[in-house]
Amino acid sequence: MKLVILMFLEEDTPIVERVLDEHQLVAYSEISVEGHGMGTAGWYGKVAPYQSRMLMVFLGADKAGELLAAVSTCTGCKDPNHPIHAWQIDVDKVATSGLPSPDANA
């Protein structure tokens, strides 16, 4: 099992929704986040916070690979300096409340 995390500007939500729809991904979690960063050349203070989204989805390895490939080909982001980012993380263990851990009898 894989965990894929997407991070993107709120303005790019329609692009992300299209990718999810094209890959039949209907179960995921999404939260609003506020991104912060330092200034750029000629401006040494902090920049205004970015209104971003973070989306998390658990997938099989093949589907996770499809999603990362789809993100890498996305175009049309509102701010090319802030593309859609995707990370794939291996999930080693899972537990569910009220059920014994898979390792409980080991």
Protein backbone atom coordinates (compact mmCIF):
# COMPACT_ATOMS: atom_id res chain seq x y z
CA MET A 1 0.00 0.00 0.00
CA LYS A 2 1.15 3.54 -0.78
CA LEU A 3 0.25 6.94 0.58
CA VAL A 4 0.30 9.70 -2.03
CA ILE A 5 0.28 13.29 -0.81
CA LEU A 6 -0.48 16.16 -3.17
CA MET A 7 0.19 19.79 -2.33
CA PHE A 8 -1.10 22.57 -4.56
CA LEU A 9 -2.40 26.14 -4.57
CA GLU A 10 -6.14 26.48 -4.00
CA GLU A 11 -6.46 28.07 -7.44
CA ASP A 12 -5.31 24.78 -8.99
CA THR A 13 -8.04 22.70 -7.32
CA PRO A 14 -9.91 22.19 -10.64
CA ILE A 15 -6.78 20.65 -12.21
CA VAL A 16 -6.35 18.25 -9.28
CA GLU A 17 -10.05 17.35 -9.31
CA ARG A 18 -9.80 16.56 -13.03
CA VAL A 19 -6.80 14.26 -12.44
CA LEU A 20 -8.61 12.47 -9.60
CA ASP A 21 -11.71 12.05 -11.75
CA GLU A 22 -9.72 10.76 -14.76
CA HIS A 23 -8.16 8.08 -12.52
CA GLN A 24 -11.40 7.20 -10.69
CA LEU A 25 -10.06 8.29 -7.30
CA VAL A 26 -13.10 9.07 -5.20
CA ALA A 27 -11.94 8.38 -1.61
CA TYR A 28 -9.31 10.74 -0.19
CA SER A 29 -8.76 13.33 2.53
CA GLU A 30 -8.11 16.99 1.85
CA ILE A 31 -7.23 19.93 4.09
CA SER A 32 -6.50 23.63 3.71
CA VAL A 33 -2.97 24.67 4.59
CA GLU A 34 -1.15 27.98 4.70
CA GLY A 35 2.23 27.93 2.98
CA HIS A 36 5.02 30.24 4.08
CA GLY A 37 8.34 31.16 2.53
CA MET A 38 11.13 33.69 2.41
CA GLY A 39 11.27 36.66 0.05
CA THR A 40 12.83 36.64 -3.38
CA ALA A 41 15.70 38.62 -4.88
CA GLY A 42 15.29 42.29 -4.00
CA TRP A 43 12.79 41.53 -1.23
CA TYR A 44 14.23 40.22 2.00
CA GLY A 45 11.12 39.92 4.13
CA LYS A 46 8.69 37.04 4.26
CA VAL A 47 6.26 36.73 1.38
CA ALA A 48 2.52 36.70 1.93
CA PRO A 49 1.24 33.25 2.90
CA TYR A 50 -0.05 31.01 0.13
CA GLN A 51 -3.48 29.44 0.42
CA SER A 52 -2.79 25.83 -0.42
CA ARG A 53 -4.44 22.43 -0.22
CA MET A 54 -3.02 19.10 0.85
CA LEU A 55 -4.64 15.90 -0.34
CA MET A 56 -3.85 12.42 0.97
CA VAL A 57 -4.91 9.14 -0.65
CA PHE A 58 -4.05 5.50 0.08
CA LEU A 59 -3.56 3.41 -3.06
CA GLY A 60 -2.07 0.24 -4.40
CA ALA A 61 1.39 0.59 -5.95
CA ASP A 62 0.16 0.58 -9.56
CA LYS A 63 -2.52 3.21 -8.97
CA ALA A 64 -0.06 5.36 -6.99
CA GLY A 65 2.36 5.25 -9.91
CA GLU A 66 -0.45 6.29 -12.27
CA LEU A 67 -1.28 9.26 -10.06
CA LEU A 68 2.32 10.48 -9.85
CA ALA A 69 2.70 10.13 -13.63
CA ALA A 70 -0.52 12.11 -14.13
CA VAL A 71 0.67 14.90 -11.82
CA SER A 72 4.00 15.11 -13.68
CA THR A 73 2.15 15.84 -16.94
CA CYS A 74 -0.27 18.44 -15.51
CA THR A 75 -0.22 21.82 -17.17
CA GLY A 76 -2.10 25.05 -16.61
CA CYS A 77 -1.17 25.84 -13.01
CA LYS A 78 -2.12 29.42 -12.12
CA ASP A 79 1.40 30.15 -10.85
CA PRO A 80 4.20 28.26 -12.63
CA ASN A 81 6.47 28.99 -9.66
CA HIS A 82 4.16 26.86 -7.51
CA PRO A 83 3.43 23.63 -9.38
CA ILE A 84 1.41 20.71 -8.06
CA HIS A 85 3.69 18.51 -5.93
CA ALA A 86 3.16 14.79 -5.28
CA TRP A 87 4.96 12.43 -2.89
CA GLN A 88 4.61 8.67 -2.71
CA ILE A 89 5.29 7.04 0.65
CA ASP A 90 5.39 3.33 1.47
CA VAL A 91 2.90 2.24 4.13
CA ASP A 92 4.53 -0.48 6.25
CA LYS A 93 1.81 -1.17 8.80
CA VAL A 94 -1.86 -0.42 9.33
CA ALA A 95 -3.99 -0.59 12.47
CA THR A 96 -7.71 -0.04 12.95
CA SER A 97 -9.32 0.82 16.27
CA GLY A 98 -11.14 -2.07 17.86
CA LEU A 99 -9.25 -4.70 15.86
CA PRO A 100 -6.06 -6.51 16.86
CA SER A 101 -2.91 -5.36 15.13
CA PRO A 102 -1.79 -7.69 12.31
CA ASP A 103 1.40 -8.29 14.33
CA ALA A 104 -0.47 -9.11 17.57
CA ASN A 105 -0.03 -12.89 17.13
CA ALA A 106 3.52 -12.73 15.80
